[in-house]
């Protein structure tokens, strides 16, 4: 199955998928996370660019992770090299494996970085961004990720968001000359985009 290049909304889902999506949301409200994850994985396997579904999935993964008491325990590294190689051949297939790994640790840096790489390989940067933003949410002082996120926004022409990221880095580490320079470049890009 070829991945669509455009994001889809809830309104664009098949009626059966809308029903399932609503069931998943109800399951989350009842703290039945495993059932919700199962439903959401199935929907996203069919509709990989359904970003709202991914956001709800990540929220459910986060809620399950917080209640499981497994915080801080990363069990991923072993099988991730295989997934990294799969991205080159079958990025869409790799995404399903990555999401299943994220069920155990939704803020895992390695898995979310691979999520980003897989969606970039598919040419869908809007969804790829979500992987880096998830790392940012779980690890707000991971400067390597912040640089990557800022670079991503800059490459996608979003100077405003890039400037915010680089400014955040500079606030925490005023000696980061690379972030300082990129913050200026991003601000200039944002100004030019506004026609100023």
Foldseek 3Di string as FASTA:
>chain_A
DAADQDADELVPDDPVLVVLQVVLVVCVVVLVLVSSLVSLLVSCLVHVRHQVSVVVNLVSLVVCQVVVPCPPDQDPPPCVVVLLVVLVVPLSVSLSVLSVSCSNPVLDLSSLQSNLSSCVSSVHNVNSLVSLVSVCVVPVPPVVSLQVSLVSCVVVLNLVVSLVSLVVVCVVPVVPPVSVVSNVVSVVSNCVVVVD
